[in-house]
Protein backbone atom coordinates (compact mmCIF):
# COMPACT_ATOMS: atom_id res chain seq x y z
CA MET A 1 20.68 -29.78 -1.61
CA THR A 2 20.12 -29.97 2.10
CA TYR A 3 22.85 -29.45 4.66
CA ASP A 4 22.72 -30.02 8.28
CA LEU A 5 25.61 -28.65 10.10
CA SER A 6 28.61 -28.60 7.71
CA PHE A 7 29.13 -26.61 4.78
CA ASP A 8 32.20 -28.71 3.65
CA ARG A 9 30.58 -30.17 0.86
CA ILE A 10 28.87 -27.06 -0.69
CA GLU A 11 31.42 -25.77 -2.96
CA ASN A 12 32.23 -29.24 -4.40
CA ASP A 13 28.37 -29.88 -4.89
CA LEU A 14 27.80 -26.40 -6.64
CA GLU A 15 30.96 -27.14 -8.89
CA LYS A 16 29.51 -30.44 -9.81
CA ALA A 17 25.97 -29.21 -10.29
CA LYS A 18 27.38 -26.38 -12.72
CA ALA A 19 29.42 -29.01 -14.70
CA GLU A 20 26.33 -31.08 -15.06
CA GLY A 21 24.49 -28.13 -16.71
CA TYR A 22 22.28 -27.09 -13.74
CA ASN A 23 21.22 -23.29 -14.10
CA PHE A 24 20.07 -22.87 -10.60
CA LEU A 25 19.76 -24.62 -7.32
CA TYR A 26 17.97 -24.01 -4.01
CA VAL A 27 20.28 -25.04 -0.90
CA PHE A 28 18.50 -25.85 2.48
CA CYS A 29 20.56 -25.38 5.41
CA GLN A 30 19.58 -26.89 8.81
CA THR A 31 21.43 -24.59 10.98
CA ALA A 32 21.33 -20.68 11.81
CA LYS A 33 24.99 -20.46 10.60
CA PRO A 34 25.09 -18.52 7.50
CA ILE A 35 27.02 -19.63 4.32
CA GLU A 36 30.12 -17.64 3.76
CA ASP A 37 30.14 -14.68 1.80
CA ILE A 38 32.74 -15.95 -0.40
CA ILE A 39 30.92 -18.92 -1.70
CA LEU A 40 27.90 -16.77 -2.13
CA SER A 41 29.97 -14.37 -4.34
CA ASN A 42 31.63 -17.36 -6.35
CA PHE A 43 28.57 -19.05 -7.18
CA ASN A 44 26.18 -16.25 -7.39
CA GLY A 45 24.02 -16.93 -4.49
CA GLU A 46 21.77 -15.28 -1.94
CA LYS A 47 19.63 -16.10 0.89
CA VAL A 48 15.99 -15.98 -0.23
CA ASP A 49 14.01 -17.12 2.75
CA THR A 50 14.17 -18.31 6.28
CA LYS A 51 11.57 -20.96 6.79
CA VAL A 52 10.26 -21.95 10.40
CA ILE A 53 8.37 -25.25 11.11
CA PHE A 54 5.98 -24.92 13.77
CA THR A 55 4.71 -28.39 15.67
CA LYS A 56 2.19 -29.22 18.29
CA ASP A 57 0.79 -32.28 19.74
CA ILE A 58 -2.88 -33.14 19.32
CA PRO A 59 -4.57 -34.57 22.53
CA ALA A 60 -5.76 -37.99 21.64
CA GLU A 61 -9.65 -38.11 21.52
CA LYS A 62 -10.08 -34.24 21.92
CA ALA A 63 -13.47 -33.08 21.05
CA PHE A 64 -13.81 -29.96 18.85
CA LYS A 65 -16.88 -28.09 17.63
CA ILE A 66 -16.51 -27.37 13.88
CA ASN A 67 -17.73 -24.21 12.53
CA ASP A 68 -20.89 -24.80 10.36
CA ASN A 69 -19.51 -22.79 7.57
CA ILE A 70 -16.52 -25.19 6.83
CA SER A 71 -16.85 -27.94 4.49
CA ILE A 72 -14.82 -30.11 2.31
CA ALA A 73 -13.90 -28.40 -0.87
CA LYS A 74 -15.88 -29.61 -4.02
CA GLY A 75 -13.37 -28.59 -6.63
CA TYR A 76 -11.27 -26.17 -8.49
CA SER A 77 -12.58 -22.70 -8.44
CA VAL A 78 -11.63 -19.25 -9.28
CA SER A 79 -12.10 -18.17 -5.60
CA LEU A 80 -10.02 -20.99 -4.32
CA GLU A 81 -7.37 -20.16 -7.04
CA ARG A 82 -7.26 -16.52 -5.84
CA LEU A 83 -6.86 -17.83 -2.15
CA ALA A 84 -4.18 -20.29 -3.12
CA ILE A 85 -2.20 -17.38 -4.52
CA LEU A 86 -2.95 -15.28 -1.56
CA SER A 87 -1.40 -18.09 0.61
CA GLY A 88 2.02 -17.72 -0.99
CA SER A 89 2.16 -13.79 -0.30
CA HIS A 90 5.39 -14.26 1.81
CA SER A 91 6.62 -17.22 -0.37
CA ARG A 92 10.16 -17.18 -1.30
CA PHE A 93 9.02 -17.89 -4.88
CA LEU A 94 7.37 -14.44 -4.94
CA LYS A 95 10.46 -12.73 -3.45
CA ASP A 96 13.09 -14.57 -5.69
CA PRO A 97 14.00 -12.39 -8.52
CA PHE A 98 14.48 -15.39 -10.73
CA PHE A 99 10.78 -16.28 -10.55
CA SER A 100 8.33 -14.14 -12.61
CA LYS A 101 5.15 -13.32 -11.05
CA GLU A 102 3.35 -15.44 -13.60
CA GLN A 103 5.70 -18.51 -12.62
CA PHE A 104 4.86 -18.01 -9.03
CA GLU A 105 1.17 -17.90 -9.58
CA ASN A 106 1.26 -20.96 -11.87
CA LEU A 107 3.18 -22.90 -9.07
CA TYR A 108 0.47 -22.14 -6.41
CA LYS A 109 -2.26 -22.97 -8.98
CA MET A 110 -0.72 -26.40 -9.56
CA TRP A 111 -0.26 -26.77 -5.83
CA LEU A 112 -3.97 -26.09 -5.41
CA VAL A 113 -4.74 -28.66 -8.13
CA ASN A 114 -2.53 -31.32 -6.75
CA SER A 115 -3.97 -30.87 -3.33
CA LEU A 116 -7.59 -31.28 -4.69
CA ASN A 117 -6.78 -34.36 -6.41
CA GLY A 118 -5.01 -35.96 -3.35
CA LYS A 119 -1.38 -35.68 -4.69
CA LEU A 120 -0.15 -33.11 -2.21
CA ALA A 121 -3.18 -33.08 0.52
CA SER A 122 -5.30 -35.59 2.28
CA GLN A 123 -7.94 -32.95 2.63
CA VAL A 124 -8.91 -29.56 1.55
CA LEU A 125 -11.36 -27.63 3.83
CA VAL A 126 -13.00 -24.41 2.81
CA TYR A 127 -15.09 -21.59 4.83
CA LEU A 128 -18.03 -20.29 3.23
CA LYS A 129 -19.68 -17.01 3.84
CA ASP A 130 -22.86 -16.69 1.91
CA SER A 131 -21.96 -19.54 -0.30
CA LYS A 132 -18.65 -17.79 -1.21
CA GLU A 133 -15.24 -19.37 -0.58
CA VAL A 134 -13.44 -17.03 1.63
CA GLY A 135 -10.78 -19.19 3.48
CA PHE A 136 -9.26 -22.56 2.78
CA VAL A 137 -6.74 -24.75 4.46
CA THR A 138 -4.83 -28.15 2.92
CA VAL A 139 -4.12 -30.81 5.31
CA ALA A 140 -1.51 -33.67 4.50
CA ILE A 141 -0.92 -36.94 6.42
CA LYS A 142 2.38 -38.65 6.33
CA GLY A 143 2.57 -41.50 8.80
CA LYS A 144 1.67 -40.05 12.08
CA VAL A 145 2.20 -36.51 11.30
CA GLY A 146 -0.24 -34.13 9.68
CA SER A 147 1.08 -30.96 8.05
CA ILE A 148 -0.68 -27.77 6.94
CA GLY A 149 0.20 -26.97 3.23
CA LEU A 150 -1.64 -23.94 2.20
CA ILE A 151 -3.86 -21.58 4.26
CA ALA A 152 -5.37 -18.30 3.37
CA VAL A 153 -8.37 -16.05 4.26
CA ASP A 154 -9.79 -13.39 1.76
CA LYS A 155 -8.37 -10.07 2.58
CA ASP A 156 -12.02 -8.69 3.14
CA PHE A 157 -12.67 -11.44 5.57
CA GLN A 158 -9.63 -11.22 7.81
CA GLY A 159 -9.51 -10.56 11.43
CA LEU A 160 -12.82 -12.40 11.88
CA GLY A 161 -11.44 -15.69 13.40
CA ILE A 162 -11.76 -17.57 10.10
CA GLY A 163 -8.15 -18.58 10.02
CA TYR A 164 -8.56 -20.04 13.63
CA GLU A 165 -11.83 -22.07 12.74
CA LEU A 166 -9.89 -23.58 9.82
CA MET A 167 -6.94 -24.67 11.97
CA ILE A 168 -9.48 -26.08 14.35
CA ALA A 169 -11.13 -27.89 11.53
CA ALA A 170 -7.82 -29.12 10.34
CA GLU A 171 -6.76 -30.38 13.84
CA GLN A 172 -10.15 -32.12 14.09
CA PHE A 173 -9.66 -34.01 10.90
CA LEU A 174 -5.93 -35.20 11.88
CA CYS A 175 -7.42 -36.23 15.32
CA ALA A 176 -10.06 -38.43 13.59
CA LYS A 177 -7.35 -40.05 11.65
CA ASN A 178 -5.34 -40.70 14.69
CA VAL A 179 -2.82 -38.44 13.74
CA LEU A 180 -1.43 -36.82 16.77
CA THR A 181 1.28 -34.55 15.68
CA MET A 182 0.60 -31.37 13.57
CA THR A 183 3.15 -29.11 11.69
CA VAL A 184 2.81 -25.99 9.60
CA PRO A 185 5.52 -23.94 7.81
CA THR A 186 5.93 -20.25 7.50
CA GLN A 187 8.59 -17.52 6.91
CA ILE A 188 10.27 -15.93 9.96
CA GLU A 189 9.68 -12.56 8.51
CA ASN A 190 5.81 -13.33 8.54
CA GLN A 191 5.45 -12.11 12.09
CA GLN A 192 1.51 -12.22 12.03
CA ALA A 193 1.69 -15.98 10.91
CA CYS A 194 4.09 -16.87 13.63
CA ALA A 195 2.22 -15.09 16.17
CA PHE A 196 -0.90 -16.71 15.16
CA TYR A 197 0.64 -20.25 15.38
CA THR A 198 1.99 -19.44 18.63
CA LYS A 199 -1.32 -18.44 20.00
CA LEU A 200 -2.69 -21.73 18.78
CA ASN A 201 0.07 -23.47 21.06
CA PHE A 202 2.45 -24.34 18.28
CA GLU A 203 6.21 -24.13 18.91
CA ILE A 204 9.07 -23.79 16.63
CA SER A 205 10.60 -27.02 16.10
CA LYS A 206 13.05 -26.02 13.04
CA ILE A 207 14.46 -23.02 11.32
CA GLN A 208 15.89 -23.44 7.98
CA ASN A 209 17.66 -20.98 5.79
CA ILE A 210 17.33 -21.23 2.01
CA TYR A 211 19.65 -19.91 -0.71
CA HIS A 212 19.14 -19.61 -4.32
CA PHE A 213 22.26 -19.95 -6.45
CA THR A 214 22.37 -19.12 -10.18
CA LEU A 215 24.84 -21.20 -11.78
């Protein structure tokens, strides 16, 4: 369920969902105003994440130099699987007590599978170091907007500018497709990621509070 400015419908919607046999729901609120404590108490709810959407415009026909170590992913691999799971290290699915670690990992494995097969991503780029996949990014296109789905760099190779090179390559891919707007989501508590995207000239376009209700 998603709510923009008013919470007037939340109680009725939660009651309806409970009557229809739902066990739990995520509620996405497009406002910084918190859901009232009485509603959280009555429906066993808690805030599990504050999602931030960063957006930037891509200059038309901008020329980029793509790092020679970046290429298109050839397929599923153990190293890509590890990177996919690492990309969710700040995810609400990892923090949510109603998700087991196994469920969280399976979710990100399937996200990787469906990115590689084109269902969730238009392109998957990898950074190779001595033939080892040490970083990756998934890019999806919807209309004239491109979005980053997953991005991660192996912990042993962080701080070397690999994440920056992957983002430049993703931007070049979108530019070549005549996509001039780029978005990337992260968690507000992930200060490192927020600072990284700000450095790349992204600006916050949306903040979304996410709640988990166990019915």
